Amino acid sequence: MARKDDILKNFLTHELLESKYELRNEDLPTTVREALNSDIPIVKAIALIIEGLEKSPSATDNELRNSILQFLNTAI
């Protein structure tokens, strides 16, 4: 499993996300690529952040913020 997939798994299995968003393990993607195609907005937002930070060169904070805001404004 790739490093970014491990990071995704750690975020998605956090108790706060499980309780607040009622995420079920069987609904969760196992890779960042799958998460980027998810219908669950919080999952896709986390995947966008991980993808931005793990690419070379890393996205700046401003680029990440703009990317997430754009996604959330269109998804919700």
N, C-alpha and C. Protein backbone atom coordinates (compact mmCIF):
# COMPACT_ATOMS: atom_id res chain seq x y z
N MET A 1 0.85 -1.17 0.00
CA MET A 1 0.00 0.00 0.00
C MET A 1 0.90 1.24 0.00
N ALA A 2 0.54 2.23 -0.80
CA ALA A 2 1.32 3.46 -0.90
C ALA A 2 1.16 4.30 0.36
N ARG A 3 2.14 5.16 0.59
CA ARG A 3 2.14 6.00 1.78
C ARG A 3 0.87 6.85 1.86
N LYS A 4 0.48 7.43 0.73
CA LYS A 4 -0.71 8.29 0.75
C LYS A 4 -1.98 7.50 1.03
N ASP A 5 -2.01 6.23 0.64
CA ASP A 5 -3.16 5.39 0.96
C ASP A 5 -3.22 5.09 2.46
N ASP A 6 -2.06 4.92 3.07
CA ASP A 6 -2.00 4.72 4.53
C ASP A 6 -2.47 5.97 5.27
N ILE A 7 -2.07 7.13 4.77
CA ILE A 7 -2.49 8.39 5.39
C ILE A 7 -4.01 8.53 5.29
N LEU A 8 -4.56 8.22 4.13
CA LEU A 8 -6.01 8.27 3.93
C LEU A 8 -6.71 7.34 4.91
N LYS A 9 -6.22 6.13 5.03
CA LYS A 9 -6.84 5.16 5.94
C LYS A 9 -6.83 5.68 7.37
N ASN A 10 -5.72 6.28 7.80
CA ASN A 10 -5.64 6.82 9.15
C ASN A 10 -6.66 7.93 9.38
N PHE A 11 -6.85 8.79 8.41
CA PHE A 11 -7.84 9.85 8.55
C PHE A 11 -9.25 9.28 8.60
N LEU A 12 -9.56 8.39 7.67
CA LEU A 12 -10.93 7.90 7.55
C LEU A 12 -11.36 7.00 8.71
N THR A 13 -10.41 6.44 9.41
CA THR A 13 -10.77 5.58 10.55
C THR A 13 -10.72 6.32 11.87
N HIS A 14 -10.51 7.62 11.82
CA HIS A 14 -10.51 8.41 13.05
C HIS A 14 -11.91 8.43 13.64
N GLU A 15 -12.00 8.28 14.95
CA GLU A 15 -13.29 8.18 15.63
C GLU A 15 -14.18 9.40 15.42
N LEU A 16 -13.60 10.57 15.30
CA LEU A 16 -14.39 11.78 15.08
C LEU A 16 -15.12 11.72 13.74
N LEU A 17 -14.42 11.31 12.70
CA LEU A 17 -15.05 11.20 11.38
C LEU A 17 -16.10 10.10 11.38
N GLU A 18 -15.80 9.00 12.04
CA GLU A 18 -16.76 7.90 12.09
C GLU A 18 -18.06 8.33 12.78
N SER A 19 -17.93 9.06 13.88
CA SER A 19 -19.13 9.44 14.62
C SER A 19 -19.88 10.61 13.97
N LYS A 20 -19.16 11.62 13.54
CA LYS A 20 -19.81 12.81 12.98
C LYS A 20 -20.45 12.55 11.62
N TYR A 21 -19.77 11.80 10.77
CA TYR A 21 -20.27 11.57 9.41
C TYR A 21 -20.87 10.19 9.22
N GLU A 22 -20.90 9.40 10.29
CA GLU A 22 -21.47 8.05 10.26
C GLU A 22 -20.93 7.23 9.10
N LEU A 23 -19.61 7.26 8.95
CA LEU A 23 -18.96 6.50 7.89
C LEU A 23 -18.86 5.04 8.30
N ARG A 24 -19.24 4.16 7.39
CA ARG A 24 -19.12 2.73 7.63
C ARG A 24 -17.90 2.21 6.90
N ASN A 25 -17.19 1.28 7.52
CA ASN A 25 -15.96 0.75 6.93
C ASN A 25 -16.16 0.20 5.52
N GLU A 26 -17.30 -0.43 5.28
CA GLU A 26 -17.52 -1.02 3.96
C GLU A 26 -17.77 0.04 2.88
N ASP A 27 -18.09 1.26 3.27
CA ASP A 27 -18.31 2.35 2.31
C ASP A 27 -17.04 3.14 2.01
N LEU A 28 -15.99 2.90 2.77
CA LEU A 28 -14.77 3.70 2.65
C LEU A 28 -13.85 3.17 1.56
N PRO A 29 -13.26 4.07 0.79
CA PRO A 29 -12.29 3.65 -0.22
C PRO A 29 -10.98 3.22 0.44
N THR A 30 -10.21 2.43 -0.28
CA THR A 30 -8.93 1.97 0.28
C THR A 30 -7.74 2.70 -0.33
N THR A 31 -7.97 3.42 -1.42
CA THR A 31 -6.88 4.17 -2.04
C THR A 31 -7.32 5.62 -2.26
N VAL A 32 -6.33 6.48 -2.41
CA VAL A 32 -6.61 7.90 -2.67
C VAL A 32 -7.31 8.03 -4.02
N ARG A 33 -6.93 7.23 -4.98
CA ARG A 33 -7.57 7.28 -6.31
C ARG A 33 -9.07 6.99 -6.19
N GLU A 34 -9.43 5.98 -5.41
CA GLU A 34 -10.85 5.68 -5.19
C GLU A 34 -11.54 6.80 -4.43
N ALA A 35 -10.85 7.37 -3.45
CA ALA A 35 -11.42 8.45 -2.63
C ALA A 35 -11.69 9.69 -3.46
N LEU A 36 -10.86 9.96 -4.45
CA LEU A 36 -11.08 11.12 -5.31
C LEU A 36 -12.35 10.98 -6.13
N ASN A 37 -12.84 9.77 -6.30
CA ASN A 37 -14.07 9.52 -7.04
C ASN A 37 -15.26 9.25 -6.12
N SER A 38 -15.07 9.45 -4.82
CA SER A 38 -16.11 9.16 -3.84
C SER A 38 -17.27 10.14 -3.94
N ASP A 39 -18.46 9.65 -3.59
CA ASP A 39 -19.65 10.50 -3.54
C ASP A 39 -19.80 11.19 -2.18
N ILE A 40 -18.95 10.82 -1.23
CA ILE A 40 -18.99 11.39 0.12
C ILE A 40 -18.06 12.60 0.16
N PRO A 41 -18.60 13.81 0.32
CA PRO A 41 -17.78 15.03 0.22
C PRO A 41 -16.58 15.06 1.16
N ILE A 42 -16.71 14.63 2.42
CA ILE A 42 -15.59 14.69 3.35
C ILE A 42 -14.47 13.75 2.91
N VAL A 43 -14.82 12.61 2.35
CA VAL A 43 -13.83 11.65 1.88
C VAL A 43 -13.06 12.24 0.71
N LYS A 44 -13.78 12.83 -0.22
CA LYS A 44 -13.11 13.42 -1.39
C LYS A 44 -12.25 14.62 -0.98
N ALA A 45 -12.71 15.43 -0.03
CA ALA A 45 -11.94 16.58 0.42
C ALA A 45 -10.63 16.13 1.06
N ILE A 46 -10.68 15.10 1.88
CA ILE A 46 -9.47 14.58 2.51
C ILE A 46 -8.53 14.04 1.43
N ALA A 47 -9.07 13.35 0.45
CA ALA A 47 -8.26 12.82 -0.65
C ALA A 47 -7.59 13.94 -1.44
N LEU A 48 -8.30 15.03 -1.66
CA LEU A 48 -7.71 16.18 -2.37
C LEU A 48 -6.54 16.76 -1.60
N ILE A 49 -6.68 16.85 -0.30
CA ILE A 49 -5.59 17.38 0.53
C ILE A 49 -4.38 16.46 0.47
N ILE A 50 -4.61 15.17 0.65
CA ILE A 50 -3.51 14.21 0.63
C ILE A 50 -2.82 14.21 -0.73
N GLU A 51 -3.61 14.19 -1.78
CA GLU A 51 -3.04 14.20 -3.13
C GLU A 51 -2.20 15.46 -3.36
N GLY A 52 -2.68 16.60 -2.89
CA GLY A 52 -1.94 17.85 -3.06
C GLY A 52 -0.64 17.86 -2.28
N LEU A 53 -0.65 17.30 -1.09
CA LEU A 53 0.56 17.29 -0.26
C LEU A 53 1.56 16.24 -0.69
N GLU A 54 1.10 15.18 -1.31
CA GLU A 54 1.99 14.08 -1.68
C GLU A 54 2.56 14.22 -3.09
N LYS A 55 2.03 15.14 -3.89
CA LYS A 55 2.58 15.30 -5.24
C LYS A 55 3.92 16.03 -5.15
N SER A 56 4.67 15.95 -6.22
CA SER A 56 5.98 16.59 -6.24
C SER A 56 5.99 17.63 -7.35
N PRO A 57 6.23 18.88 -7.09
CA PRO A 57 6.40 19.50 -5.78
C PRO A 57 5.05 19.64 -5.08
N SER A 58 5.11 19.71 -3.79
CA SER A 58 3.91 19.81 -2.95
C SER A 58 3.13 21.09 -3.26
N ALA A 59 1.83 20.99 -3.17
CA ALA A 59 0.99 22.17 -3.36
C ALA A 59 1.17 23.11 -2.17
N THR A 60 1.06 24.39 -2.43
CA THR A 60 1.16 25.36 -1.35
C THR A 60 -0.13 25.36 -0.55
N ASP A 61 -0.08 25.94 0.63
CA ASP A 61 -1.28 26.03 1.46
C ASP A 61 -2.40 26.77 0.73
N ASN A 62 -2.05 27.81 0.03
CA ASN A 62 -3.03 28.60 -0.70
C ASN A 62 -3.67 27.78 -1.83
N GLU A 63 -2.86 27.02 -2.54
CA GLU A 63 -3.40 26.18 -3.61
C GLU A 63 -4.34 25.12 -3.05
N LEU A 64 -3.96 24.52 -1.93
CA LEU A 64 -4.82 23.51 -1.29
C LEU A 64 -6.13 24.13 -0.82
N ARG A 65 -6.04 25.28 -0.19
CA ARG A 65 -7.24 25.96 0.30
C ARG A 65 -8.18 26.27 -0.85
N ASN A 66 -7.65 26.80 -1.94
CA ASN A 66 -8.48 27.13 -3.10
C ASN A 66 -9.11 25.89 -3.71
N SER A 67 -8.34 24.82 -3.78
CA SER A 67 -8.85 23.57 -4.34
C SER A 67 -9.99 23.01 -3.50
N ILE A 68 -9.82 23.00 -2.18
CA ILE A 68 -10.85 22.47 -1.29
C ILE A 68 -12.09 23.36 -1.30
N LEU A 69 -11.89 24.68 -1.25
CA LEU A 69 -13.03 25.59 -1.29
C LEU A 69 -13.83 25.45 -2.59
N GLN A 70 -13.12 25.33 -3.69
CA GLN A 70 -13.80 25.16 -4.98
C GLN A 70 -14.61 23.86 -4.98
N PHE A 71 -14.00 22.78 -4.51
CA PHE A 71 -14.72 21.51 -4.46
C PHE A 71 -15.94 21.59 -3.57
N LEU A 72 -15.76 22.11 -2.35
CA LEU A 72 -16.88 22.17 -1.40
C LEU A 72 -18.00 23.07 -1.88
N ASN A 73 -17.65 24.16 -2.54
CA ASN A 73 -18.69 25.07 -3.06
C ASN A 73 -19.52 24.41 -4.16
N THR A 74 -18.93 23.51 -4.91
CA THR A 74 -19.68 22.84 -5.98
C THR A 74 -20.36 21.56 -5.49
N ALA A 75 -19.82 20.93 -4.45
CA ALA A 75 -20.34 19.64 -3.99
C ALA A 75 -21.51 19.77 -3.04
N ILE A 76 -21.56 20.86 -2.32
CA ILE A 76 -22.58 20.97 -1.26
C ILE A 76 -23.69 21.91 -1.65
